Amino acid sequence: MDKPFHRLAKGSSYLLLGNVTSSIVGAIFWIILAKIIDAQHIGASMVVVALMTTLVAFTGSGIQQALAKYVAEYNANKDYAKAKRVIRLGLIVSLIISSIVAVIILLLADSIGLAYSSSVMKE
């Protein structure tokens, strides 16, 4: 087996393992939540989780994929200093973007809560 394919297969297996683990933990979360609360509150929590997942996807801005690509590339070339620099830059950019989104959500939290509570009260 040639080296580039071996690196690709190994990296893909780690990504697959992470996705499977995340799916299993998510399924366990929803099963436990379904045992604890009623259907109306599960629906509300699904709306909140969907909103937060969308925000996290936009917040990431592809940073995770870029980090995975460049870190794997630099590690394969044994250029560990560049890999470390890419990780540091990715963390800084993620922290800045996440902080901006957190401030926006904090500022909009009251209006989001009022809009959601008024729609629930109408039912």
PDB file of N, CA and C in Angstrom:
ATOM      1  N   MET A   1       0.855  -1.179   0.000  1.00  0.00           N
ATOM      2  CA  MET A   1       0.000   0.000   0.000  1.00  0.00           C
ATOM      3  C   MET A   1       0.896   1.235   0.000  1.00  0.00           C
ATOM      4  N   ASP A   2       0.593   2.182  -0.867  1.00  0.00           N
ATOM      5  CA  ASP A   2       1.422   3.372  -0.933  1.00  0.00           C
ATOM      6  C   ASP A   2       1.127   4.301   0.246  1.00  0.00           C
ATOM      7  N   LYS A   3       2.091   5.117   0.581  1.00  0.00           N
ATOM      8  CA  LYS A   3       1.996   5.951   1.778  1.00  0.00           C
ATOM      9  C   LYS A   3       0.853   6.960   1.767  1.00  0.00           C
ATOM     10  N   PRO A   4       0.619   7.712   0.655  1.00  0.00           N
ATOM     11  CA  PRO A   4      -0.483   8.694   0.711  1.00  0.00           C
ATOM     12  C   PRO A   4      -1.838   8.039   0.975  1.00  0.00           C
ATOM     13  N   PHE A   5      -2.096   6.891   0.337  1.00  0.00           N
ATOM     14  CA  PHE A   5      -3.366   6.212   0.566  1.00  0.00           C
ATOM     15  C   PHE A   5      -3.463   5.714   1.994  1.00  0.00           C
ATOM     16  N   HIS A   6      -2.368   5.219   2.537  1.00  0.00           N
ATOM     17  CA  HIS A   6      -2.356   4.728   3.917  1.00  0.00           C
ATOM     18  C   HIS A   6      -2.674   5.871   4.884  1.00  0.00           C
ATOM     19  N   ARG A   7      -2.073   7.061   4.669  1.00  0.00           N
ATOM     20  CA  ARG A   7      -2.353   8.214   5.526  1.00  0.00           C
ATOM     21  C   ARG A   7      -3.808   8.643   5.409  1.00  0.00           C
ATOM     22  N   LEU A   8      -4.336   8.627   4.179  1.00  0.00           N
ATOM     23  CA  LEU A   8      -5.734   8.999   3.967  1.00  0.00           C
ATOM     24  C   LEU A   8      -6.671   8.026   4.679  1.00  0.00           C
ATOM     25  N   ALA A   9      -6.389   6.739   4.541  1.00  0.00           N
ATOM     26  CA  ALA A   9      -7.242   5.730   5.174  1.00  0.00           C
ATOM     27  C   ALA A   9      -7.182   5.839   6.696  1.00  0.00           C
ATOM     28  N   LYS A  10      -5.999   6.072   7.225  1.00  0.00           N
ATOM     29  CA  LYS A  10      -5.855   6.193   8.675  1.00  0.00           C
ATOM     30  C   LYS A  10      -6.584   7.432   9.186  1.00  0.00           C
ATOM     31  N   GLY A  11      -6.423   8.576   8.500  1.00  0.00           N
ATOM     32  CA  GLY A  11      -7.117   9.793   8.906  1.00  0.00           C
ATOM     33  C   GLY A  11      -8.625   9.662   8.788  1.00  0.00           C
ATOM     34  N   SER A  12      -9.078   9.010   7.723  1.00  0.00           N
ATOM     35  CA  SER A  12     -10.515   8.814   7.535  1.00  0.00           C
ATOM     36  C   SER A  12     -11.094   7.913   8.606  1.00  0.00           C
ATOM     37  N   SER A  13     -10.342   6.921   9.013  1.00  0.00           N
ATOM     38  CA  SER A  13     -10.845   6.026  10.057  1.00  0.00           C
ATOM     39  C   SER A  13     -11.007   6.771  11.377  1.00  0.00           C
ATOM     40  N   TYR A  14     -10.104   7.700  11.666  1.00  0.00           N
ATOM     41  CA  TYR A  14     -10.245   8.494  12.891  1.00  0.00           C
ATOM     42  C   TYR A  14     -11.474   9.401  12.816  1.00  0.00           C
ATOM     43  N   LEU A  15     -11.695  10.011  11.655  1.00  0.00           N
ATOM     44  CA  LEU A  15     -12.887  10.855  11.489  1.00  0.00           C
ATOM     45  C   LEU A  15     -14.160  10.026  11.609  1.00  0.00           C
ATOM     46  N   LEU A  16     -14.168   8.839  11.012  1.00  0.00           N
ATOM     47  CA  LEU A  16     -15.328   7.954  11.099  1.00  0.00           C
ATOM     48  C   LEU A  16     -15.582   7.539  12.540  1.00  0.00           C
ATOM     49  N   LEU A  17     -14.528   7.200  13.253  1.00  0.00           N
ATOM     50  CA  LEU A  17     -14.665   6.814  14.659  1.00  0.00           C
ATOM     51  C   LEU A  17     -15.234   7.966  15.488  1.00  0.00           C
ATOM     52  N   GLY A  18     -14.789   9.189  15.209  1.00  0.00           N
ATOM     53  CA  GLY A  18     -15.321  10.351  15.916  1.00  0.00           C
ATOM     54  C   GLY A  18     -16.787  10.575  15.619  1.00  0.00           C
ATOM     55  N   ASN A  19     -17.181  10.430  14.358  1.00  0.00           N
ATOM     56  CA  ASN A  19     -18.595  10.608  13.989  1.00  0.00           C
ATOM     57  C   ASN A  19     -19.475   9.537  14.613  1.00  0.00           C
ATOM     58  N   VAL A  20     -19.021   8.294  14.625  1.00  0.00           N
ATOM     59  CA  VAL A  20     -19.797   7.201  15.223  1.00  0.00           C
ATOM     60  C   VAL A  20     -19.951   7.432  16.726  1.00  0.00           C
ATOM     61  N   THR A  21     -18.866   7.807  17.372  1.00  0.00           N
ATOM     62  CA  THR A  21     -18.922   8.080  18.813  1.00  0.00           C
ATOM     63  C   THR A  21     -19.881   9.229  19.118  1.00  0.00           C
ATOM     64  N   SER A  22     -19.809  10.280  18.332  1.00  0.00           N
ATOM     65  CA  SER A  22     -20.709  11.422  18.515  1.00  0.00           C
ATOM     66  C   SER A  22     -22.164  11.014  18.309  1.00  0.00           C
ATOM     67  N   SER A  23     -22.429  10.197  17.317  1.00  0.00           N
ATOM     68  CA  SER A  23     -23.805   9.746  17.071  1.00  0.00           C
ATOM     69  C   SER A  23     -24.332   8.891  18.216  1.00  0.00           C
ATOM     70  N   ILE A  24     -23.500   8.029  18.749  1.00  0.00           N
ATOM     71  CA  ILE A  24     -23.911   7.160  19.854  1.00  0.00           C
ATOM     72  C   ILE A  24     -24.201   7.991  21.102  1.00  0.00           C
ATOM     73  N   VAL A  25     -23.317   8.936  21.413  1.00  0.00           N
ATOM     74  CA  VAL A  25     -23.528   9.795  22.582  1.00  0.00           C
ATOM     75  C   VAL A  25     -24.791  10.640  22.396  1.00  0.00           C
ATOM     76  N   GLY A  26     -25.017  11.158  21.179  1.00  0.00           N
ATOM     77  CA  GLY A  26     -26.225  11.927  20.905  1.00  0.00           C
ATOM     78  C   GLY A  26     -27.487  11.099  21.060  1.00  0.00           C
ATOM     79  N   ALA A  27     -27.455   9.860  20.579  1.00  0.00           N
ATOM     80  CA  ALA A  27     -28.618   8.982  20.712  1.00  0.00           C
ATOM     81  C   ALA A  27     -28.913   8.683  22.180  1.00  0.00           C
ATOM     82  N   ILE A  28     -27.872   8.415  22.952  1.00  0.00           N
ATOM     83  CA  ILE A  28     -28.058   8.156  24.385  1.00  0.00           C
ATOM     84  C   ILE A  28     -28.638   9.394  25.073  1.00  0.00           C
ATOM     85  N   PHE A  29     -28.149  10.583  24.690  1.00  0.00           N
ATOM     86  CA  PHE A  29     -28.670  11.826  25.265  1.00  0.00           C
ATOM     87  C   PHE A  29     -30.165  11.947  25.021  1.00  0.00           C
ATOM     88  N   TRP A  30     -30.608  11.755  23.758  1.00  0.00           N
ATOM     89  CA  TRP A  30     -32.030  11.930  23.445  1.00  0.00           C
ATOM     90  C   TRP A  30     -32.880  10.847  24.102  1.00  0.00           C
ATOM     91  N   ILE A  31     -32.372   9.637  24.228  1.00  0.00           N
ATOM     92  CA  ILE A  31     -33.126   8.562  24.897  1.00  0.00           C
ATOM     93  C   ILE A  31     -33.320   8.896  26.370  1.00  0.00           C
ATOM     94  N   ILE A  32     -32.249   9.332  27.031  1.00  0.00           N
ATOM     95  CA  ILE A  32     -32.359   9.696  28.446  1.00  0.00           C
ATOM     96  C   ILE A  32     -33.288  10.900  28.614  1.00  0.00           C
ATOM     97  N   LEU A  33     -33.166  11.880  27.729  1.00  0.00           N
ATOM     98  CA  LEU A  33     -34.027  13.053  27.802  1.00  0.00           C
ATOM     99  C   LEU A  33     -35.495  12.683  27.602  1.00  0.00           C
ATOM    100  N   ALA A  34     -35.766  11.742  26.700  1.00  0.00           N
ATOM    101  CA  ALA A  34     -37.143  11.310  26.452  1.00  0.00           C
ATOM    102  C   ALA A  34     -37.742  10.612  27.681  1.00  0.00           C
ATOM    103  N   LYS A  35     -36.906   9.968  28.464  1.00  0.00           N
ATOM    104  CA  LYS A  35     -37.388   9.315  29.684  1.00  0.00           C
ATOM    105  C   LYS A  35     -37.670  10.322  30.795  1.00  0.00           C
ATOM    106  N   ILE A  36     -37.000  11.476  30.736  1.00  0.00           N
ATOM    107  CA  ILE A  36     -37.091  12.448  31.827  1.00  0.00           C
ATOM    108  C   ILE A  36     -38.211  13.463  31.614  1.00  0.00           C
ATOM    109  N   ILE A  37     -38.347  13.997  30.394  1.00  0.00           N
ATOM    110  CA  ILE A  37     -39.297  15.088  30.164  1.00  0.00           C
ATOM    111  C   ILE A  37     -40.365  14.685  29.148  1.00  0.00           C
ATOM    112  N   ASP A  38     -41.402  15.509  29.048  1.00  0.00           N
ATOM    113  CA  ASP A  38     -42.517  15.206  28.157  1.00  0.00           C
ATOM    114  C   ASP A  38     -42.218  15.645  26.718  1.00  0.00           C
ATOM    115  N   ALA A  39     -43.133  15.309  25.819  1.00  0.00           N
ATOM    116  CA  ALA A  39     -42.926  15.525  24.381  1.00  0.00           C
ATOM    117  C   ALA A  39     -42.812  17.003  24.017  1.00  0.00           C
ATOM    118  N   GLN A  40     -43.597  17.863  24.673  1.00  0.00           N
ATOM    119  CA  GLN A  40     -43.549  19.296  24.351  1.00  0.00           C
ATOM    120  C   GLN A  40     -42.165  19.875  24.640  1.00  0.00           C
ATOM    121  N   HIS A  41     -41.584  19.491  25.759  1.00  0.00           N
ATOM    122  CA  HIS A  41     -40.267  20.003  26.109  1.00  0.00           C
ATOM    123  C   HIS A  41     -39.167  19.378  25.256  1.00  0.00           C
ATOM    124  N   ILE A  42     -39.347  18.154  24.828  1.00  0.00           N
ATOM    125  CA  ILE A  42     -38.376  17.552  23.904  1.00  0.00           C
ATOM    126  C   ILE A  42     -38.395  18.303  22.578  1.00  0.00           C
ATOM    127  N   GLY A  43     -39.587  18.645  22.110  1.00  0.00           N
ATOM    128  CA  GLY A  43     -39.691  19.434  20.878  1.00  0.00           C
ATOM    129  C   GLY A  43     -38.993  20.778  21.020  1.00  0.00           C
ATOM    130  N   ALA A  44     -39.193  21.428  22.158  1.00  0.00           N
ATOM    131  CA  ALA A  44     -38.537  22.717  22.388  1.00  0.00           C
ATOM    132  C   ALA A  44     -37.019  22.556  22.442  1.00  0.00           C
ATOM    133  N   SER A  45     -36.555  21.503  23.091  1.00  0.00           N
ATOM    134  CA  SER A  45     -35.106  21.293  23.168  1.00  0.00           C
ATOM    135  C   SER A  45     -34.525  20.938  21.804  1.00  0.00           C
ATOM    136  N   MET A  46     -35.289  20.257  20.961  1.00  0.00           N
ATOM    137  CA  MET A  46     -34.810  19.965  19.607  1.00  0.00           C
ATOM    138  C   MET A  46     -34.673  21.244  18.784  1.00  0.00           C
ATOM    139  N   VAL A  47     -35.595  22.179  18.986  1.00  0.00           N
ATOM    140  CA  VAL A  47     -35.490  23.462  18.293  1.00  0.00           C
ATOM    141  C   VAL A  47     -34.238  24.201  18.748  1.00  0.00           C
ATOM    142  N   VAL A  48     -33.987  24.203  20.049  1.00  0.00           N
ATOM    143  CA  VAL A  48     -32.802  24.879  20.583  1.00  0.00           C
ATOM    144  C   VAL A  48     -31.527  24.214  20.075  1.00  0.00           C
ATOM    145  N   VAL A  49     -31.495  22.885  20.087  1.00  0.00           N
ATOM    146  CA  VAL A  49     -30.302  22.161  19.609  1.00  0.00           C
ATOM    147  C   VAL A  49     -30.082  22.419  18.122  1.00  0.00           C
ATOM    148  N   ALA A  50     -31.151  22.456  17.340  1.00  0.00           N
ATOM    149  CA  ALA A  50     -31.006  22.737  15.912  1.00  0.00           C
ATOM    150  C   ALA A  50     -30.473  24.149  15.682  1.00  0.00           C
ATOM    151  N   LEU A  51     -30.970  25.108  16.451  1.00  0.00           N
ATOM    152  CA  LEU A  51     -30.479  26.481  16.333  1.00  0.00           C
ATOM    153  C   LEU A  51     -29.005  26.564  16.714  1.00  0.00           C
ATOM    154  N   MET A  52     -28.641  25.937  17.802  1.00  0.00           N
ATOM    155  CA  MET A  52     -27.246  25.982  18.241  1.00  0.00           C
ATOM    156  C   MET A  52     -26.332  25.238  17.269  1.00  0.00           C
ATOM    157  N   THR A  53     -26.791  24.128  16.707  1.00  0.00           N
ATOM    158  CA  THR A  53     -25.985  23.400  15.729  1.00  0.00           C
ATOM    159  C   THR A  53     -25.741  24.248  14.493  1.00  0.00           C
ATOM    160  N   THR A  54     -26.757  24.963  14.059  1.00  0.00           N
ATOM    161  CA  THR A  54     -26.599  25.856  12.911  1.00  0.00           C
ATOM    162  C   THR A  54     -25.600  26.956  13.223  1.00  0.00           C
ATOM    163  N   LEU A  55     -25.703  27.543  14.403  1.00  0.00           N
ATOM    164  CA  LEU A  55     -24.762  28.593  14.781  1.00  0.00           C
ATOM    165  C   LEU A  55     -23.337  28.059  14.888  1.00  0.00           C
ATOM    166  N   VAL A  56     -23.186  26.866  15.444  1.00  0.00           N
ATOM    167  CA  VAL A  56     -21.855  26.270  15.559  1.00  0.00           C
ATOM    168  C   VAL A  56     -21.275  25.979  14.181  1.00  0.00           C
ATOM    169  N   ALA A  57     -22.121  25.543  13.251  1.00  0.00           N
ATOM    170  CA  ALA A  57     -21.632  25.272  11.894  1.00  0.00           C
ATOM    171  C   ALA A  57     -21.128  26.545  11.236  1.00  0.00           C
ATOM    172  N   PHE A  58     -21.855  27.655  11.412  1.00  0.00           N
ATOM    173  CA  PHE A  58     -21.397  28.914  10.842  1.00  0.00           C
ATOM    174  C   PHE A  58     -20.201  29.466  11.605  1.00  0.00           C
ATOM    175  N   THR A  59     -20.168  29.217  12.898  1.00  0.00           N
ATOM    176  CA  THR A  59     -19.053  29.698  13.704  1.00  0.00           C
ATOM    177  C   THR A  59     -17.757  29.016  13.298  1.00  0.00           C
ATOM    178  N   GLY A  60     -17.830  27.729  13.003  1.00  0.00           N
ATOM    179  CA  GLY A  60     -16.640  26.981  12.628  1.00  0.00           C
ATOM    180  C   GLY A  60     -16.002  27.491  11.357  1.00  0.00           C
ATOM    181  N   SER A  61     -16.801  27.932  10.422  1.00  0.00           N
ATOM    182  CA  SER A  61     -16.332  28.481   9.154  1.00  0.00           C
ATOM    183  C   SER A  61     -15.335  27.578   8.439  1.00  0.00           C
ATOM    184  N   GLY A  62     -15.460  26.279   8.612  1.00  0.00           N
ATOM    185  CA  GLY A  62     -14.551  25.352   7.943  1.00  0.00           C
ATOM    186  C   GLY A  62     -13.198  25.230   8.618  1.00  0.00           C
ATOM    187  N   ILE A  63     -13.073  25.812   9.809  1.00  0.00           N
ATOM    188  CA  ILE A  63     -11.778  25.794  10.490  1.00  0.00           C
ATOM    189  C   ILE A  63     -11.362  24.370  10.847  1.00  0.00           C
ATOM    190  N   GLN A  64     -12.316  23.538  11.279  1.00  0.00           N
ATOM    191  CA  GLN A  64     -11.965  22.176  11.655  1.00  0.00           C
ATOM    192  C   GLN A  64     -11.418  21.396  10.473  1.00  0.00           C
ATOM    193  N   GLN A  65     -12.050  21.539   9.314  1.00  0.00           N
ATOM    194  CA  GLN A  65     -11.583  20.826   8.130  1.00  0.00           C
ATOM    195  C   GLN A  65     -10.206  21.324   7.701  1.00  0.00           C
ATOM    196  N   ALA A  66     -10.013  22.629   7.749  1.00  0.00           N
ATOM    197  CA  ALA A  66      -8.704  23.176   7.384  1.00  0.00           C
ATOM    198  C   ALA A  66      -7.629  22.709   8.354  1.00  0.00           C
ATOM    199  N   LEU A  67      -7.949  22.706   9.636  1.00  0.00           N
ATOM    200  CA  LEU A  67      -6.984  22.220  10.620  1.00  0.00           C
ATOM    201  C   LEU A  67      -6.632  20.758  10.371  1.00  0.00           C
ATOM    202  N   ALA A  68      -7.653  19.943  10.127  1.00  0.00           N
ATOM    203  CA  ALA A  68      -7.394  18.523   9.887  1.00  0.00           C
ATOM    204  C   ALA A  68      -6.508  18.330   8.668  1.00  0.00           C
ATOM    205  N   LYS A  69      -6.755  19.083   7.615  1.00  0.00           N
ATOM    206  CA  LYS A  69      -5.972  18.937   6.389  1.00  0.00           C
ATOM    207  C   LYS A  69      -4.528  19.367   6.589  1.00  0.00           C
ATOM    208  N   TYR A  70      -4.340  20.578   7.104  1.00  0.00           N
ATOM    209  CA  TYR A  70      -2.985  21.113   7.202  1.00  0.00           C
ATOM    210  C   TYR A  70      -2.164  20.438   8.291  1.00  0.00           C
ATOM    211  N   VAL A  71      -2.775  20.111   9.410  1.00  0.00           N
ATOM    212  CA  VAL A  71      -2.033  19.421  10.463  1.00  0.00           C
ATOM    213  C   VAL A  71      -1.602  18.042   9.973  1.00  0.00           C
ATOM    214  N   ALA A  72      -2.508  17.335   9.298  1.00  0.00           N
ATOM    215  CA  ALA A  72      -2.134  16.021   8.763  1.00  0.00           C
ATOM    216  C   ALA A  72      -1.025  16.146   7.726  1.00  0.00           C
ATOM    217  N   GLU A  73      -1.131  17.156   6.879  1.00  0.00           N
ATOM    218  CA  GLU A  73      -0.103  17.354   5.849  1.00  0.00           C
ATOM    219  C   GLU A  73       1.253  17.673   6.474  1.00  0.00           C
ATOM    220  N   TYR A  74       1.277  18.597   7.424  1.00  0.00           N
ATOM    221  CA  TYR A  74       2.544  18.972   8.047  1.00  0.00           C
ATOM    222  C   TYR A  74       3.114  17.838   8.887  1.00  0.00           C
ATOM    223  N   ASN A  75       2.249  17.088   9.557  1.00  0.00           N
ATOM    224  CA  ASN A  75       2.745  15.941  10.325  1.00  0.00           C
ATOM    225  C   ASN A  75       3.302  14.865   9.403  1.00  0.00           C
ATOM    226  N   ALA A  76       2.670  14.662   8.251  1.00  0.00           N
ATOM    227  CA  ALA A  76       3.177  13.667   7.298  1.00  0.00           C
ATOM    228  C   ALA A  76       4.548  14.065   6.773  1.00  0.00           C
ATOM    229  N   ASN A  77       4.767  15.369   6.623  1.00  0.00           N
ATOM    230  CA  ASN A  77       6.067  15.870   6.159  1.00  0.00           C
ATOM    231  C   ASN A  77       7.050  16.082   7.309  1.00  0.00           C
ATOM    232  N   LYS A  78       6.645  15.689   8.499  1.00  0.00           N
ATOM    233  CA  LYS A  78       7.446  15.836   9.718  1.00  0.00           C
ATOM    234  C   LYS A  78       7.841  17.289   9.988  1.00  0.00           C
ATOM    235  N   ASP A  79       6.945  18.194   9.645  1.00  0.00           N
ATOM    236  CA  ASP A  79       7.140  19.615   9.906  1.00  0.00           C
ATOM    237  C   ASP A  79       6.252  20.001  11.091  1.00  0.00           C
ATOM    238  N   TYR A  80       6.678  19.559  12.263  1.00  0.00           N
ATOM    239  CA  TYR A  80       5.843  19.680  13.453  1.00  0.00           C
ATOM    240  C   TYR A  80       5.700  21.129  13.926  1.00  0.00           C
ATOM    241  N   ALA A  81       6.658  21.972  13.640  1.00  0.00           N
ATOM    242  CA  ALA A  81       6.559  23.375  14.042  1.00  0.00           C
ATOM    243  C   ALA A  81       5.412  24.062  13.305  1.00  0.00           C
ATOM    244  N   LYS A  82       5.290  23.785  11.998  1.00  0.00           N
ATOM    245  CA  LYS A  82       4.179  24.370  11.244  1.00  0.00           C
ATOM    246  C   LYS A  82       2.849  23.810  11.715  1.00  0.00           C
ATOM    247  N   ALA A  83       2.801  22.518  12.023  1.00  0.00           N
ATOM    248  CA  ALA A  83       1.557  21.912  12.515  1.00  0.00           C
ATOM    249  C   ALA A  83       1.131  22.568  13.824  1.00  0.00           C
ATOM    250  N   LYS A  84       2.096  22.806  14.693  1.00  0.00           N
ATOM    251  CA  LYS A  84       1.793  23.450  15.974  1.00  0.00           C
ATOM    252  C   LYS A  84       1.299  24.880  15.757  1.00  0.00           C
ATOM    253  N   ARG A  85       1.914  25.585  14.812  1.00  0.00           N
ATOM    254  CA  ARG A  85       1.503  26.960  14.504  1.00  0.00           C
ATOM    255  C   ARG A  85       0.085  26.999  13.924  1.00  0.00           C
ATOM    256  N   VAL A  86      -0.251  26.022  13.067  1.00  0.00           N
ATOM    257  CA  VAL A  86      -1.592  25.958  12.482  1.00  0.00           C
ATOM    258  C   VAL A  86      -2.629  25.686  13.564  1.00  0.00           C
ATOM    259  N   ILE A  87      -2.324  24.789  14.473  1.00  0.00           N
ATOM    260  CA  ILE A  87      -3.250  24.489  15.572  1.00  0.00           C
ATOM    261  C   ILE A  87      -3.462  25.735  16.430  1.00  0.00           C
ATOM    262  N   ARG A  88      -2.384  26.429  16.760  1.00  0.00           N
ATOM    263  CA  ARG A  88      -2.489  27.638  17.577  1.00  0.00           C
ATOM    264  C   ARG A  88      -3.334  28.700  16.874  1.00  0.00           C
ATOM    265  N   LEU A  89      -3.080  28.913  15.587  1.00  0.00           N
ATOM    266  CA  LEU A  89      -3.849  29.897  14.823  1.00  0.00           C
ATOM    267  C   LEU A  89      -5.321  29.492  14.743  1.00  0.00           C
ATOM    268  N   GLY A  90      -5.584  28.198  14.520  1.00  0.00           N
ATOM    269  CA  GLY A  90      -6.965  27.722  14.466  1.00  0.00           C
ATOM    270  C   GLY A  90      -7.698  27.930  15.774  1.00  0.00           C
ATOM    271  N   LEU A  91      -7.013  27.686  16.886  1.00  0.00           N
ATOM    272  CA  LEU A  91      -7.634  27.899  18.193  1.00  0.00           C
ATOM    273  C   LEU A  91      -7.928  29.374  18.433  1.00  0.00           C
ATOM    274  N   ILE A  92      -7.005  30.229  18.048  1.00  0.00           N
ATOM    275  CA  ILE A  92      -7.213  31.665  18.247  1.00  0.00           C
ATOM    276  C   ILE A  92      -8.385  32.165  17.404  1.00  0.00           C
ATOM    277  N   VAL A  93      -8.413  31.770  16.132  1.00  0.00           N
ATOM    278  CA  VAL A  93      -9.508  32.197  15.249  1.00  0.00           C
ATOM    279  C   VAL A  93     -10.844  31.649  15.748  1.00  0.00           C
ATOM    280  N   SER A  94     -10.868  30.384  16.159  1.00  0.00           N
ATOM    281  CA  SER A  94     -12.101  29.797  16.695  1.00  0.00           C
ATOM    282  C   SER A  94     -12.567  30.520  17.945  1.00  0.00           C
ATOM    283  N   LEU A  95     -11.635  30.861  18.812  1.00  0.00           N
ATOM    284  CA  LEU A  95     -11.983  31.572  20.034  1.00  0.00           C
ATOM    285  C   LEU A  95     -12.558  32.952  19.732  1.00  0.00           C
ATOM    286  N   ILE A  96     -11.961  33.652  18.782  1.00  0.00           N
ATOM    287  CA  ILE A  96     -12.453  34.987  18.420  1.00  0.00           C
ATOM    288  C   ILE A  96     -13.853  34.903  17.820  1.00  0.00           C
ATOM    289  N   ILE A  97     -14.040  33.995  16.855  1.00  0.00           N
ATOM    290  CA  ILE A  97     -15.355  33.857  16.217  1.00  0.00           C
ATOM    291  C   ILE A  97     -16.403  33.409  17.230  1.00  0.00           C
ATOM    292  N   SER A  98     -16.047  32.453  18.086  1.00  0.00           N
ATOM    293  CA  SER A  98     -16.988  31.977  19.101  1.00  0.00           C
ATOM    294  C   SER A  98     -17.364  33.076  20.079  1.00  0.00           C
ATOM    295  N   SER A  99     -16.408  33.895  20.451  1.00  0.00           N
ATOM    296  CA  SER A  99     -16.692  35.009  21.368  1.00  0.00           C
ATOM    297  C   SER A  99     -17.649  36.017  20.733  1.00  0.00           C
ATOM    298  N   ILE A 100     -17.436  36.307  19.460  1.00  0.00           N
ATOM    299  CA  ILE A 100     -18.326  37.238  18.764  1.00  0.00           C
ATOM    300  C   ILE A 100     -19.747  36.675  18.711  1.00  0.00           C
ATOM    301  N   VAL A 101     -19.875  35.390  18.360  1.00  0.00           N
ATOM    302  CA  VAL A 101     -21.201  34.767  18.297  1.00  0.00           C
ATOM    303  C   VAL A 101     -21.834  34.709  19.687  1.00  0.00           C
ATOM    304  N   ALA A 102     -21.038  34.445  20.716  1.00  0.00           N
ATOM    305  CA  ALA A 102     -21.575  34.393  22.078  1.00  0.00           C
ATOM    306  C   ALA A 102     -22.111  35.754  22.502  1.00  0.00           C
ATOM    307  N   VAL A 103     -21.412  36.822  22.169  1.00  0.00           N
ATOM    308  CA  VAL A 103     -21.887  38.169  22.506  1.00  0.00           C
ATOM    309  C   VAL A 103     -23.180  38.474  21.761  1.00  0.00           C
ATOM    310  N   ILE A 104     -23.246  38.099  20.488  1.00  0.00           N
ATOM    311  CA  ILE A 104     -24.470  38.327  19.709  1.00  0.00           C
ATOM    312  C   ILE A 104     -25.643  37.566  20.312  1.00  0.00           C
ATOM    313  N   ILE A 105     -25.425  36.303  20.670  1.00  0.00           N
ATOM    314  CA  ILE A 105     -26.496  35.505  21.284  1.00  0.00           C
ATOM    315  C   ILE A 105     -26.890  36.100  22.636  1.00  0.00           C
ATOM    316  N   LEU A 106     -25.909  36.572  23.401  1.00  0.00           N
ATOM    317  CA  LEU A 106     -26.212  37.197  24.683  1.00  0.00           C
ATOM    318  C   LEU A 106     -27.080  38.430  24.502  1.00  0.00           C
ATOM    319  N   LEU A 107     -26.763  39.225  23.502  1.00  0.00           N
ATOM    320  CA  LEU A 107     -27.546  40.437  23.252  1.00  0.00           C
ATOM    321  C   LEU A 107     -28.943  40.128  22.733  1.00  0.00           C
ATOM    322  N   LEU A 108     -29.091  39.036  21.997  1.00  0.00           N
ATOM    323  CA  LEU A 108     -30.390  38.676  21.428  1.00  0.00           C
ATOM    324  C   LEU A 108     -31.187  37.689  22.279  1.00  0.00           C
ATOM    325  N   ALA A 109     -30.628  37.241  23.398  1.00  0.00           N
ATOM    326  CA  ALA A 109     -31.265  36.191  24.202  1.00  0.00           C
ATOM    327  C   ALA A 109     -32.656  36.590  24.693  1.00  0.00           C
ATOM    328  N   ASP A 110     -32.803  37.815  25.148  1.00  0.00           N
ATOM    329  CA  ASP A 110     -34.108  38.252  25.656  1.00  0.00           C
ATOM    330  C   ASP A 110     -35.170  38.235  24.567  1.00  0.00           C
ATOM    331  N   SER A 111     -34.832  38.759  23.399  1.00  0.00           N
ATOM    332  CA  SER A 111     -35.832  38.794  22.326  1.00  0.00           C
ATOM    333  C   SER A 111     -36.128  37.388  21.805  1.00  0.00           C
ATOM    334  N   ILE A 112     -35.129  36.527  21.756  1.00  0.00           N
ATOM    335  CA  ILE A 112     -35.369  35.137  21.345  1.00  0.00           C
ATOM    336  C   ILE A 112     -36.268  34.445  22.362  1.00  0.00           C
ATOM    337  N   GLY A 113     -35.973  34.657  23.646  1.00  0.00           N
ATOM    338  CA  GLY A 113     -36.807  34.062  24.695  1.00  0.00           C
ATOM    339  C   GLY A 113     -38.235  34.564  24.663  1.00  0.00           C
ATOM    340  N   LEU A 114     -38.405  35.863  24.442  1.00  0.00           N
ATOM    341  CA  LEU A 114     -39.764  36.420  24.366  1.00  0.00           C
ATOM    342  C   LEU A 114     -40.509  35.885  23.151  1.00  0.00           C
ATOM    343  N   ALA A 115     -39.838  35.790  22.023  1.00  0.00           N
ATOM    344  CA  ALA A 115     -40.487  35.276  20.816  1.00  0.00           C
ATOM    345  C   ALA A 115     -40.882  33.817  21.002  1.00  0.00           C
ATOM    346  N   TYR A 116     -40.005  33.023  21.607  1.00  0.00           N
ATOM    347  CA  TYR A 116     -40.326  31.615  21.816  1.00  0.00           C
ATOM    348  C   TYR A 116     -41.431  31.456  22.850  1.00  0.00           C
ATOM    349  N   SER A 117     -41.349  32.195  23.963  1.00  0.00           N
ATOM    350  CA  SER A 117     -42.361  32.040  25.008  1.00  0.00           C
ATOM    351  C   SER A 117     -43.723  32.525  24.536  1.00  0.00           C
ATOM    352  N   SER A 118     -43.765  33.562  23.704  1.00  0.00           N
ATOM    353  CA  SER A 118     -45.061  34.027  23.211  1.00  0.00           C
ATOM    354  C   SER A 118     -45.655  33.021  22.226  1.00  0.00           C
ATOM    355  N   SER A 119     -44.818  32.316  21.454  1.00  0.00           N
ATOM    356  CA  SER A 119     -45.357  31.318  20.548  1.00  0.00           C
ATOM    357  C   SER A 119     -45.829  30.083  21.299  1.00  0.00           C
ATOM    358  N   VAL A 120     -45.187  29.758  22.413  1.00  0.00           N
ATOM    359  CA  VAL A 120     -45.618  28.619  23.226  1.00  0.00           C
ATOM    360  C   VAL A 120     -46.909  28.960  23.963  1.00  0.00           C
ATOM    361  N   MET A 121     -47.047  30.201  24.419  1.00  0.00           N
ATOM    362  CA  MET A 121     -48.244  30.600  25.152  1.00  0.00           C
ATOM    363  C   MET A 121     -49.489  30.610  24.270  1.00  0.00           C
ATOM    364  N   LYS A 122     -49.322  30.815  22.963  1.00  0.00           N
ATOM    365  CA  LYS A 122     -50.467  30.840  22.051  1.00  0.00           C
ATOM    366  C   LYS A 122     -51.043  29.454  21.865  1.00  0.00           C
ATOM    367  N   GLU A 123     -50.280  28.419  22.075  1.00  0.00           N
ATOM    368  CA  GLU A 123     -50.757  27.046  21.848  1.00  0.00           C
ATOM    369  C   GLU A 123     -51.667  26.564  22.920  1.00  0.00           C
TER     370      GLU A 123
END
